Amino acid sequence: MKKKIVVIGGGTGTYTVLRGLKKYNDLEISAIVTMADDGGSNKVLRDEFGLLPTSGVRQCMVALSANEGILRKLFSYRYYQGVGISGMTFGNLFMAAVSDVLGDQRGAIKETAKLLDVRGKILPISYDKVSLLATYTDGTEILGEHLIDLGQGKVGKQRIKHFRTIPKTRIDSEAKRAIAEADMIVLGPGDLYTNTMANLVVTGTVEAIVKSQARVVFVMNVMTKKGESYGYGAQDFLIDLGKYLPLSRVNYVVVNTDQTIEKAVAKAYAREEADWVKDNLDEVAKTNDSWQVIRGRLLAKGRVEKEKGDKLARSMVRHDPDKLAKILVELLYV
């Protein structure tokens, strides 16, 4: 019987995990993704089409697709000219069209996954239209995934002290069932709040994880990020995670130890005031009796996949999909 792995998150971090796990034929993979994105083409989908954002879903489809040809590349293609479609991806527009034809976005996701020969399930955490609300230490409130993600202004270097969805929403039954049946649940890597916590603050998600018999793995981010984890060490990530999920439920924390990157990339990160996540977990090891730290040189080497025109430095330093997947599979069979 195949082992069941559930990856909870969104964005390039989840994409990386799925790309590695896809190569193991003895796994049944489910990706549970946040549906609160509201920037770029997702804003158009929400405001003009009345649909839920699908960029996270699209990235998971591309990651898990058995089709490595032109169709897969098309779903990542972004238009850079044309009134009304500049900035949109072919994949998002395609799913919007399928949703219109079927009259059902849930069905559109499943039918598109079939077309791409997706090896696994892609499950939105919820089908309700919600926004994310972050409250920072000085009381400032930022509404919307896109603005939180930007981390601009005085809040960029502050901690988020409270995080929730507006309005409240409940986990979808399919996502809840996948968690209940999982042998392993993977949280991260990815933007701490707009990817990982965005799922955990959905009512019923944490309860489902706590009740499950799965091993829970938290994959530590490689770099910090303004607006969500400025100046964070590994301890800080776990402290914040513990505000939403009992840390006693975490079995493993996977930490990268490789900090070898090109000087140009390091300078780009410095301009964004991002830095390596310091591994300071040994300082709390003696007081911890639940999770085990797994360390390894996990950075991807050479060029990474990125969309044409992507200028974000944080997209250039990522975990290696194969190295990360190898660790996760080994932990699954311990």
Protein backbone atom coordinates (compact mmCIF):
# COMPACT_ATOMS: atom_id res chain seq x y z
CA MET A 1 0.00 0.00 0.00
CA LYS A 2 1.29 3.44 -0.90
CA LYS A 3 2.31 5.84 1.86
CA LYS A 4 0.27 9.04 1.98
CA ILE A 5 2.07 12.39 2.22
CA VAL A 6 0.23 15.69 2.60
CA VAL A 7 2.14 18.88 1.82
CA ILE A 8 0.53 22.01 3.29
CA GLY A 9 1.57 25.44 2.04
CA GLY A 10 1.74 27.32 -1.23
CA GLY A 11 4.15 29.13 -3.53
CA THR A 12 7.62 28.06 -4.60
CA GLY A 13 8.37 26.21 -1.37
CA THR A 14 5.54 23.75 -1.87
CA TYR A 15 6.43 23.53 -5.57
CA THR A 16 9.96 22.45 -4.61
CA VAL A 17 8.77 19.75 -2.19
CA LEU A 18 6.31 18.34 -4.72
CA ARG A 19 8.87 18.26 -7.54
CA GLY A 20 11.06 15.99 -5.46
CA LEU A 21 8.35 13.74 -4.04
CA LYS A 22 6.78 13.17 -7.46
CA LYS A 23 9.65 10.87 -8.41
CA TYR A 24 8.71 8.29 -5.75
CA ASN A 25 6.14 5.89 -7.17
CA ASP A 26 5.31 4.40 -3.77
CA LEU A 27 3.81 7.67 -2.52
CA GLU A 28 0.28 9.04 -2.68
CA ILE A 29 0.72 12.82 -2.64
CA SER A 30 -1.81 15.47 -1.69
CA ALA A 31 -1.03 19.19 -1.83
CA ILE A 32 -3.22 21.41 0.35
CA VAL A 33 -2.83 25.03 -0.73
CA THR A 34 -3.89 28.43 0.51
CA MET A 35 -6.45 30.27 -1.60
CA ALA A 36 -5.96 33.77 -0.20
CA ASP A 37 -3.60 35.22 -2.84
CA ASP A 38 -4.80 38.62 -4.03
CA GLY A 39 -1.97 40.16 -6.04
CA GLY A 40 -1.18 40.26 -9.75
CA SER A 41 -3.20 37.86 -11.87
CA ASN A 42 -4.92 36.51 -8.76
CA LYS A 43 -6.41 39.96 -8.16
CA VAL A 44 -7.87 39.87 -11.66
CA LEU A 45 -9.34 36.42 -11.05
CA ARG A 46 -10.94 37.58 -7.81
CA ASP A 47 -12.13 41.04 -8.89
CA GLU A 48 -13.04 40.55 -12.53
CA PHE A 49 -13.87 36.85 -12.84
CA GLY A 50 -15.28 36.34 -9.34
CA LEU A 51 -13.09 33.27 -8.92
CA LEU A 52 -10.75 32.06 -6.21
CA PRO A 53 -7.03 32.65 -6.92
CA THR A 54 -5.40 29.71 -8.66
CA SER A 55 -1.68 30.56 -8.81
CA GLY A 56 -0.90 28.21 -5.93
CA VAL A 57 -2.98 25.47 -7.50
CA ARG A 58 -1.30 26.06 -10.87
CA GLN A 59 2.20 25.79 -9.38
CA CYS A 60 1.28 22.50 -7.71
CA MET A 61 -0.08 21.17 -10.99
CA VAL A 62 3.12 22.08 -12.80
CA ALA A 63 5.19 20.49 -10.04
CA LEU A 64 3.25 17.21 -10.04
CA SER A 65 2.59 16.94 -13.76
CA ALA A 66 3.92 13.84 -15.48
CA ASN A 67 3.84 15.87 -18.69
CA GLU A 68 7.27 17.50 -19.08
CA GLY A 69 6.57 18.87 -22.55
CA ILE A 70 5.05 22.01 -24.02
CA LEU A 71 1.76 21.74 -22.12
CA ARG A 72 3.52 21.94 -18.76
CA LYS A 73 5.55 24.92 -19.96
CA LEU A 74 2.39 26.63 -21.20
CA PHE A 75 0.84 26.51 -17.74
CA SER A 76 3.81 28.49 -16.41
CA TYR A 77 3.84 30.95 -19.31
CA ARG A 78 3.18 34.57 -18.33
CA TYR A 79 1.96 37.17 -20.83
CA TYR A 80 4.05 40.34 -20.96
CA GLN A 81 2.02 42.34 -23.42
CA GLY A 82 -1.58 42.77 -24.44
CA VAL A 83 -4.15 45.05 -22.86
CA GLY A 84 -5.88 43.27 -20.01
CA ILE A 85 -3.75 40.11 -20.03
CA SER A 86 -0.26 41.45 -19.34
CA GLY A 87 0.97 39.77 -16.16
CA MET A 88 -1.52 36.91 -16.42
CA THR A 89 -0.40 33.30 -16.74
CA PHE A 90 -1.77 30.95 -19.37
CA GLY A 91 -2.54 28.41 -16.65
CA ASN A 92 -4.68 30.81 -14.63
CA LEU A 93 -6.60 31.93 -17.71
CA PHE A 94 -7.10 28.32 -18.78
CA MET A 95 -8.55 27.34 -15.40
CA ALA A 96 -10.79 30.41 -15.43
CA ALA A 97 -12.16 29.27 -18.80
CA VAL A 98 -12.73 25.71 -17.58
CA SER A 99 -14.48 27.07 -14.46
CA ASP A 100 -16.80 29.09 -16.70
CA VAL A 101 -17.55 26.10 -18.94
CA LEU A 102 -18.25 23.76 -16.03
CA GLY A 103 -19.77 26.37 -13.75
CA ASP A 104 -17.72 24.94 -10.91
CA GLN A 105 -14.18 25.82 -9.82
CA ARG A 106 -13.73 22.60 -7.85
CA GLY A 107 -14.50 20.59 -10.96
CA ALA A 108 -12.25 22.84 -13.06
CA ILE A 109 -9.27 22.08 -10.81
CA LYS A 110 -9.86 18.34 -11.07
CA GLU A 111 -10.35 18.35 -14.84
CA THR A 112 -7.25 20.47 -15.41
CA ALA A 113 -5.25 18.11 -13.19
CA LYS A 114 -6.35 15.21 -15.40
CA LEU A 115 -5.28 17.08 -18.52
CA LEU A 116 -1.80 17.65 -17.09
CA ASP A 117 -1.57 14.07 -15.82
CA VAL A 118 -0.98 15.27 -12.27
CA ARG A 119 0.50 12.61 -9.99
CA GLY A 120 -1.43 13.37 -6.84
CA LYS A 121 -4.29 15.47 -5.51
CA ILE A 122 -4.38 19.25 -5.31
CA LEU A 123 -6.80 20.42 -2.66
CA PRO A 124 -7.65 24.03 -1.79
CA ILE A 125 -7.74 24.54 1.97
CA SER A 126 -11.13 26.20 1.50
CA TYR A 127 -13.37 27.34 -1.34
CA ASP A 128 -14.53 30.45 0.51
CA LYS A 129 -13.37 33.88 -0.63
CA VAL A 130 -11.22 35.29 2.17
CA SER A 131 -8.47 37.82 2.80
CA LEU A 132 -5.56 37.61 5.23
CA LEU A 133 -5.23 40.11 8.07
CA ALA A 134 -1.90 40.61 9.87
CA THR A 135 -1.60 42.65 13.05
CA TYR A 136 1.95 43.78 13.87
CA THR A 137 3.54 44.54 17.22
CA ASP A 138 2.80 48.27 17.02
CA GLY A 139 -0.87 47.59 16.33
CA THR A 140 -0.70 48.26 12.59
CA GLU A 141 -3.05 46.06 10.58
CA ILE A 142 -2.34 45.02 6.99
CA LEU A 143 -5.16 43.46 5.00
CA GLY A 144 -4.43 41.27 2.00
CA GLU A 145 -1.84 38.63 1.11
CA HIS A 146 -0.13 40.85 -1.46
CA LEU A 147 0.49 43.78 0.90
CA ILE A 148 1.65 41.50 3.71
CA ASP A 149 3.99 39.78 1.28
CA LEU A 150 5.53 43.09 0.19
CA GLY A 151 6.62 43.92 3.74
CA GLN A 152 6.90 47.62 3.02
CA GLY A 153 7.05 50.56 5.38
CA LYS A 154 7.54 50.51 9.11
CA VAL A 155 5.87 47.13 9.59
CA GLY A 156 8.42 45.33 7.42
CA LYS A 157 10.81 44.81 10.33
CA GLN A 158 8.16 44.07 12.96
CA ARG A 159 6.76 40.77 14.10
CA ILE A 160 3.24 39.66 13.32
CA LYS A 161 1.50 39.20 16.66
CA HIS A 162 -1.88 38.09 15.32
CA PHE A 163 -2.94 36.54 12.04
CA ARG A 164 -6.32 35.48 10.70
CA THR A 165 -8.65 35.32 7.74
CA ILE A 166 -11.42 37.82 7.03
CA PRO A 167 -14.05 36.43 7.23
CA LYS A 168 -13.44 33.23 9.17
CA THR A 169 -13.54 30.12 7.04
CA ARG A 170 -13.54 26.37 7.61
CA ILE A 171 -11.32 23.70 6.09
CA ASP A 172 -12.80 21.95 3.07
CA SER A 173 -13.93 18.36 3.66
CA GLU A 174 -11.53 16.92 1.06
CA ALA A 175 -8.53 18.63 2.63
CA LYS A 176 -9.64 17.53 6.09
CA ARG A 177 -9.96 13.93 4.93
CA ALA A 178 -6.49 13.98 3.36
CA ILE A 179 -4.96 15.14 6.65
CA ALA A 180 -6.84 12.48 8.62
CA GLU A 181 -5.55 9.72 6.32
CA ALA A 182 -1.95 10.98 6.01
CA ASP A 183 1.14 9.06 7.07
CA MET A 184 3.20 12.26 6.94
CA ILE A 185 2.31 15.97 6.92
CA VAL A 186 4.88 18.45 5.61
CA LEU A 187 4.67 22.12 6.59
CA GLY A 188 6.87 24.58 4.67
CA PRO A 189 9.16 25.74 3.33
CA GLY A 190 7.69 28.99 2.07
CA ASP A 191 6.65 32.40 3.31
CA LEU A 192 5.94 31.75 6.98
CA TYR A 193 2.65 33.59 7.18
CA THR A 194 1.24 34.03 3.67
CA ASN A 195 1.94 30.39 2.74
CA THR A 196 2.13 28.24 5.89
CA MET A 197 0.10 30.10 8.52
CA ALA A 198 -2.50 31.04 5.92
CA ASN A 199 -3.56 27.40 6.02
CA LEU A 200 -3.24 26.90 9.77
CA VAL A 201 -5.56 29.83 10.63
CA VAL A 202 -8.37 28.23 8.65
CA THR A 203 -10.77 26.77 11.21
CA GLY A 204 -10.41 23.02 11.55
CA THR A 205 -6.94 22.68 10.03
CA VAL A 206 -4.95 22.54 13.26
CA GLU A 207 -7.56 20.31 14.87
CA ALA A 208 -7.25 17.89 11.96
CA ILE A 209 -3.44 17.83 12.22
CA VAL A 210 -3.54 17.26 15.98
CA LYS A 211 -6.00 14.37 15.63
CA SER A 212 -4.15 12.69 12.77
CA GLN A 213 -1.71 9.84 13.29
CA ALA A 214 0.72 11.32 10.76
CA ARG A 215 4.32 12.28 11.39
CA VAL A 216 4.57 16.06 11.14
CA VAL A 217 7.64 17.64 9.54
CA PHE A 218 8.39 21.36 9.52
CA VAL A 219 10.86 22.36 6.81
CA MET A 220 12.73 25.46 7.95
CA ASN A 221 13.08 28.34 5.51
CA VAL A 222 16.51 29.08 4.08
CA MET A 223 16.16 32.89 4.13
CA THR A 224 14.35 35.50 6.19
CA LYS A 225 11.84 37.91 4.68
CA LYS A 226 10.68 41.40 5.52
CA GLY A 227 7.05 41.62 6.58
CA GLU A 228 6.90 38.03 7.81
CA SER A 229 10.19 36.85 9.31
CA TYR A 230 12.62 39.77 9.37
CA GLY A 231 15.74 38.92 11.40
CA TYR A 232 14.35 35.52 12.37
CA GLY A 233 16.48 32.64 13.56
CA ALA A 234 15.18 29.07 13.45
CA GLN A 235 13.88 29.42 17.01
CA ASP A 236 11.71 32.36 15.98
CA PHE A 237 10.07 30.33 13.22
CA LEU A 238 9.15 27.65 15.73
CA ILE A 239 7.95 30.18 18.30
CA ASP A 240 5.57 31.65 15.75
CA LEU A 241 4.50 28.23 14.51
CA GLY A 242 3.72 27.29 18.11
CA LYS A 243 1.18 30.11 18.35
CA TYR A 244 -1.03 28.26 15.89
CA LEU A 245 0.01 24.60 16.09
CA PRO A 246 1.12 22.87 19.32
CA LEU A 247 4.84 22.21 18.90
CA SER A 248 4.35 18.91 20.71
CA ARG A 249 2.69 17.77 17.49
CA VAL A 250 5.85 18.38 15.43
CA ASN A 251 8.07 15.31 15.04
CA TYR A 252 10.89 16.62 12.86
CA VAL A 253 12.40 19.99 11.93
CA VAL A 254 14.49 19.94 8.74
CA VAL A 255 17.23 22.59 8.60
CA ASN A 256 19.56 23.54 5.75
CA THR A 257 23.24 23.97 6.67
CA ASP A 258 24.55 25.10 3.27
CA GLN A 259 25.09 28.85 2.84
CA THR A 260 27.08 28.80 -0.40
CA ILE A 261 25.69 31.19 -3.01
CA GLU A 262 27.07 33.51 -5.66
CA LYS A 263 28.11 37.02 -4.59
CA ALA A 264 25.59 38.63 -6.94
CA VAL A 265 22.75 36.66 -5.37
CA ALA A 266 23.94 37.54 -1.86
CA LYS A 267 23.97 41.23 -2.80
CA ALA A 268 20.44 40.97 -4.18
CA TYR A 269 19.25 39.49 -0.91
CA ALA A 270 21.08 42.19 1.03
CA ARG A 271 19.18 44.84 -0.93
CA GLU A 272 15.94 43.20 0.20
CA GLU A 273 17.32 43.08 3.78
CA ALA A 274 16.98 39.32 3.79
CA ASP A 275 19.50 37.03 5.43
CA TRP A 276 20.20 33.38 6.17
CA VAL A 277 18.00 31.80 8.83
CA LYS A 278 20.40 31.20 11.71
CA ASP A 279 20.32 27.66 13.05
CA ASN A 280 20.03 28.31 16.79
CA LEU A 281 17.96 25.23 17.63
CA ASP A 282 20.67 23.64 19.78
CA GLU A 283 19.92 26.33 22.36
CA VAL A 284 16.50 24.78 23.00
CA ALA A 285 17.36 21.15 22.30
CA LYS A 286 17.71 20.24 25.98
CA THR A 287 14.21 21.45 26.82
CA ASN A 288 12.55 19.80 23.83
CA ASP A 289 11.20 16.27 24.02
CA SER A 290 8.97 16.16 20.96
CA TRP A 291 10.75 17.05 17.74
CA GLN A 292 14.09 16.01 16.30
CA VAL A 293 16.29 18.34 14.23
CA ILE A 294 17.43 16.92 10.87
CA ARG A 295 20.26 18.89 9.27
CA GLY A 296 21.72 18.69 5.78
CA ARG A 297 23.22 20.60 2.87
CA LEU A 298 19.97 21.13 1.01
CA LEU A 299 20.49 24.09 -1.33
CA ALA A 300 19.81 23.74 -5.04
CA LYS A 301 22.91 24.38 -7.12
CA GLY A 302 23.16 26.19 -10.43
CA ARG A 303 20.25 27.85 -12.19
CA VAL A 304 16.77 27.42 -10.79
CA GLU A 305 13.47 27.42 -12.64
CA LYS A 306 11.87 30.83 -12.62
CA GLU A 307 9.36 32.62 -14.77
CA LYS A 308 10.54 35.02 -17.43
CA GLY A 309 10.97 38.47 -15.95
CA ASP A 310 11.11 37.21 -12.35
CA LYS A 311 13.38 39.69 -10.58
CA LEU A 312 12.79 38.53 -7.03
CA ALA A 313 16.06 37.45 -5.45
CA ARG A 314 14.26 35.25 -2.95
CA SER A 315 13.23 33.01 -5.86
CA MET A 316 16.88 32.28 -6.57
CA VAL A 317 17.84 30.44 -3.39
CA ARG A 318 15.82 27.32 -2.84
CA HIS A 319 15.98 23.83 -1.44
CA ASP A 320 17.07 21.14 -3.85
CA PRO A 321 13.89 19.10 -4.62
CA ASP A 322 15.69 15.75 -4.71
CA LYS A 323 17.75 16.28 -1.57
CA LEU A 324 14.73 17.44 0.40
CA ALA A 325 12.51 14.64 -0.88
CA LYS A 326 15.15 12.05 0.04
CA ILE A 327 15.14 13.25 3.66
CA LEU A 328 11.35 13.31 3.84
CA VAL A 329 11.02 9.78 2.45
CA GLU A 330 13.68 8.49 4.84
CA LEU A 331 11.76 10.00 7.78
CA LEU A 332 8.57 8.44 6.49
CA TYR A 333 10.05 4.98 6.77
CA VAL A 334 11.97 5.42 10.04
